[in-house]
Amino acid sequence: MSSVQDPGRVGRYVRMVAQPGRGAALADTLLRVAEGLRGAPGCELYVINLSADEPDTVWVTEVWADEEASDRALSADLGEVGIGEVLELLAGPPELVDLRPLGGTGLATA
């Protein structure tokens, strides 16, 4: 049996740095984005994390059934939050690390 649970599944860490003093506002806005993604087809995990030692840095941990689900959900209307609202708070472009989730505690397996 292979350790790879689903070769189509994609994961991502996204590091966003807010304008000085705006980290909490960015985190709150991204929590609203996460709420808008609740129940989105293919969204398996969308967790907002505030950096413990950088108060203006927010990390998003994502797992999607496949790239199409990610693209479809993140290009759609995110409930009450528009992507422009997130971009207004950023000090620079988000940094992305693409991953291939293999499994583990908290991650559903097929």
C-alpha atoms as a PDB file:
ATOM      1  CA  MET A   1       0.000   0.000   0.000  1.00  0.00           C
ATOM      2  CA  SER A   2       1.371   3.392  -0.973  1.00  0.00           C
ATOM      3  CA  SER A   3       1.780   6.164   1.617  1.00  0.00           C
ATOM      4  CA  VAL A   4       0.351   8.642  -0.880  1.00  0.00           C
ATOM      5  CA  GLN A   5      -3.357   8.899  -0.056  1.00  0.00           C
ATOM      6  CA  ASP A   6      -4.555  10.965  -3.011  1.00  0.00           C
ATOM      7  CA  PRO A   7      -2.180  12.104  -5.754  1.00  0.00           C
ATOM      8  CA  GLY A   8      -4.701  14.767  -6.883  1.00  0.00           C
ATOM      9  CA  ARG A   9      -4.909  16.442  -3.458  1.00  0.00           C
ATOM     10  CA  VAL A  10      -3.049  19.725  -3.118  1.00  0.00           C
ATOM     11  CA  GLY A  11      -1.868  21.621  -0.089  1.00  0.00           C
ATOM     12  CA  ARG A  12      -0.505  25.077   0.393  1.00  0.00           C
ATOM     13  CA  TYR A  13       1.024  27.289   3.025  1.00  0.00           C
ATOM     14  CA  VAL A  14       0.422  30.966   2.334  1.00  0.00           C
ATOM     15  CA  ARG A  15       2.387  33.590   4.263  1.00  0.00           C
ATOM     16  CA  MET A  16       0.838  37.047   4.271  1.00  0.00           C
ATOM     17  CA  VAL A  17       2.420  40.074   5.885  1.00  0.00           C
ATOM     18  CA  ALA A  18       0.026  42.866   6.805  1.00  0.00           C
ATOM     19  CA  GLN A  19       0.789  46.548   6.762  1.00  0.00           C
ATOM     20  CA  PRO A  20       2.379  47.540  10.115  1.00  0.00           C
ATOM     21  CA  GLY A  21      -0.078  47.129  12.970  1.00  0.00           C
ATOM     22  CA  ARG A  22      -2.727  45.473  10.760  1.00  0.00           C
ATOM     23  CA  GLY A  23      -1.989  41.792  11.464  1.00  0.00           C
ATOM     24  CA  ALA A  24      -5.069  41.286  13.639  1.00  0.00           C
ATOM     25  CA  ALA A  25      -7.283  42.930  10.997  1.00  0.00           C
ATOM     26  CA  LEU A  26      -5.804  40.661   8.308  1.00  0.00           C
ATOM     27  CA  ALA A  27      -6.355  37.584  10.483  1.00  0.00           C
ATOM     28  CA  ASP A  28      -9.971  38.606  11.158  1.00  0.00           C
ATOM     29  CA  THR A  29     -10.599  39.175   7.453  1.00  0.00           C
ATOM     30  CA  LEU A  30      -9.087  35.795   6.560  1.00  0.00           C
ATOM     31  CA  LEU A  31     -11.215  34.113   9.227  1.00  0.00           C
ATOM     32  CA  ARG A  32     -14.237  35.541   7.402  1.00  0.00           C
ATOM     33  CA  VAL A  33     -12.821  34.154   4.134  1.00  0.00           C
ATOM     34  CA  ALA A  34     -12.507  30.761   5.845  1.00  0.00           C
ATOM     35  CA  GLU A  35     -16.131  30.970   6.965  1.00  0.00           C
ATOM     36  CA  GLY A  36     -17.143  31.738   3.362  1.00  0.00           C
ATOM     37  CA  LEU A  37     -15.308  28.575   2.265  1.00  0.00           C
ATOM     38  CA  ARG A  38     -17.163  26.382   4.758  1.00  0.00           C
ATOM     39  CA  GLY A  39     -18.818  23.696   2.686  1.00  0.00           C
ATOM     40  CA  ALA A  40     -17.036  24.716  -0.540  1.00  0.00           C
ATOM     41  CA  PRO A  41     -16.685  21.617  -2.735  1.00  0.00           C
ATOM     42  CA  GLY A  42     -13.158  20.224  -2.464  1.00  0.00           C
ATOM     43  CA  CYS A  43     -12.057  22.373   0.501  1.00  0.00           C
ATOM     44  CA  GLU A  44     -10.699  19.927   3.067  1.00  0.00           C
ATOM     45  CA  LEU A  45      -8.777  22.360   5.289  1.00  0.00           C
ATOM     46  CA  TYR A  46      -8.480  26.139   5.431  1.00  0.00           C
ATOM     47  CA  VAL A  47      -6.891  27.250   8.701  1.00  0.00           C
ATOM     48  CA  ILE A  48      -5.814  30.774   9.622  1.00  0.00           C
ATOM     49  CA  ASN A  49      -2.731  31.060  11.850  1.00  0.00           C
ATOM     50  CA  LEU A  50      -1.271  34.204  13.437  1.00  0.00           C
ATOM     51  CA  SER A  51       2.506  34.027  13.769  1.00  0.00           C
ATOM     52  CA  ALA A  52       3.585  33.672  17.406  1.00  0.00           C
ATOM     53  CA  ASP A  53       6.538  36.043  17.030  1.00  0.00           C
ATOM     54  CA  GLU A  54       5.537  38.297  14.113  1.00  0.00           C
ATOM     55  CA  PRO A  55       2.208  39.997  14.941  1.00  0.00           C
ATOM     56  CA  ASP A  56       1.690  41.261  11.390  1.00  0.00           C
ATOM     57  CA  THR A  57       2.276  37.862   9.764  1.00  0.00           C
ATOM     58  CA  VAL A  58      -0.596  35.473   9.048  1.00  0.00           C
ATOM     59  CA  TRP A  59      -0.225  31.959   7.676  1.00  0.00           C
ATOM     60  CA  VAL A  60      -3.008  30.105   5.862  1.00  0.00           C
ATOM     61  CA  THR A  61      -2.847  26.309   5.766  1.00  0.00           C
ATOM     62  CA  GLU A  62      -4.895  24.851   2.908  1.00  0.00           C
ATOM     63  CA  VAL A  63      -5.759  21.362   1.676  1.00  0.00           C
ATOM     64  CA  TRP A  64      -7.910  20.892  -1.416  1.00  0.00           C
ATOM     65  CA  ALA A  65      -9.224  17.786  -3.179  1.00  0.00           C
ATOM     66  CA  ASP A  66      -7.488  19.019  -6.333  1.00  0.00           C
ATOM     67  CA  GLU A  67      -6.174  22.177  -7.992  1.00  0.00           C
ATOM     68  CA  GLU A  68      -9.481  22.809  -9.769  1.00  0.00           C
ATOM     69  CA  ALA A  69     -11.351  22.932  -6.436  1.00  0.00           C
ATOM     70  CA  SER A  70      -8.848  25.469  -5.107  1.00  0.00           C
ATOM     71  CA  ASP A  71      -9.045  27.650  -8.201  1.00  0.00           C
ATOM     72  CA  ARG A  72     -12.834  27.475  -8.325  1.00  0.00           C
ATOM     73  CA  ALA A  73     -13.364  28.329  -4.647  1.00  0.00           C
ATOM     74  CA  LEU A  74     -10.751  31.060  -4.354  1.00  0.00           C
ATOM     75  CA  SER A  75     -11.863  32.819  -7.535  1.00  0.00           C
ATOM     76  CA  ALA A  76     -15.507  32.856  -6.414  1.00  0.00           C
ATOM     77  CA  ASP A  77     -17.236  35.314  -4.115  1.00  0.00           C
ATOM     78  CA  LEU A  78     -16.051  34.449  -0.602  1.00  0.00           C
ATOM     79  CA  GLY A  79     -19.257  35.209   1.216  1.00  0.00           C
ATOM     80  CA  GLU A  80     -19.147  38.732   2.596  1.00  0.00           C
ATOM     81  CA  VAL A  81     -15.407  39.134   1.963  1.00  0.00           C
ATOM     82  CA  GLY A  82     -13.934  40.138  -1.381  1.00  0.00           C
ATOM     83  CA  ILE A  83     -10.308  39.391  -2.239  1.00  0.00           C
ATOM     84  CA  GLY A  84      -9.749  43.145  -2.540  1.00  0.00           C
ATOM     85  CA  GLU A  85     -10.445  43.491   1.172  1.00  0.00           C
ATOM     86  CA  VAL A  86      -7.569  41.093   1.887  1.00  0.00           C
ATOM     87  CA  LEU A  87      -5.215  42.773  -0.599  1.00  0.00           C
ATOM     88  CA  GLU A  88      -5.806  46.212   0.953  1.00  0.00           C
ATOM     89  CA  LEU A  89      -4.298  44.967   4.227  1.00  0.00           C
ATOM     90  CA  LEU A  90      -1.132  43.433   2.741  1.00  0.00           C
ATOM     91  CA  ALA A  91       2.316  45.004   2.872  1.00  0.00           C
ATOM     92  CA  GLY A  92       3.382  42.955  -0.162  1.00  0.00           C
ATOM     93  CA  PRO A  93       2.373  39.965  -2.254  1.00  0.00           C
ATOM     94  CA  PRO A  94       1.571  36.690  -0.465  1.00  0.00           C
ATOM     95  CA  GLU A  95       4.259  33.995  -0.436  1.00  0.00           C
ATOM     96  CA  LEU A  96       3.054  30.528  -1.466  1.00  0.00           C
ATOM     97  CA  VAL A  97       4.508  27.108  -0.736  1.00  0.00           C
ATOM     98  CA  ASP A  98       2.762  24.361  -2.715  1.00  0.00           C
ATOM     99  CA  LEU A  99       2.602  20.905  -1.155  1.00  0.00           C
ATOM    100  CA  ARG A 100       1.339  17.384  -1.816  1.00  0.00           C
ATOM    101  CA  PRO A 101      -0.453  16.191   1.347  1.00  0.00           C
ATOM    102  CA  LEU A 102       0.238  12.567   2.200  1.00  0.00           C
ATOM    103  CA  GLY A 103      -1.937  12.088   5.297  1.00  0.00           C
ATOM    104  CA  GLY A 104      -1.731  12.428   9.067  1.00  0.00           C
ATOM    105  CA  THR A 105      -3.808  13.249  12.108  1.00  0.00           C
ATOM    106  CA  GLY A 106      -6.678  15.586  11.273  1.00  0.00           C
ATOM    107  CA  LEU A 107      -6.526  15.019   7.540  1.00  0.00           C
ATOM    108  CA  ALA A 108      -9.328  12.840   6.190  1.00  0.00           C
ATOM    109  CA  THR A 109      -8.280   9.890   4.068  1.00  0.00           C
ATOM    110  CA  ALA A 110     -10.164   8.472   1.149  1.00  0.00           C
END
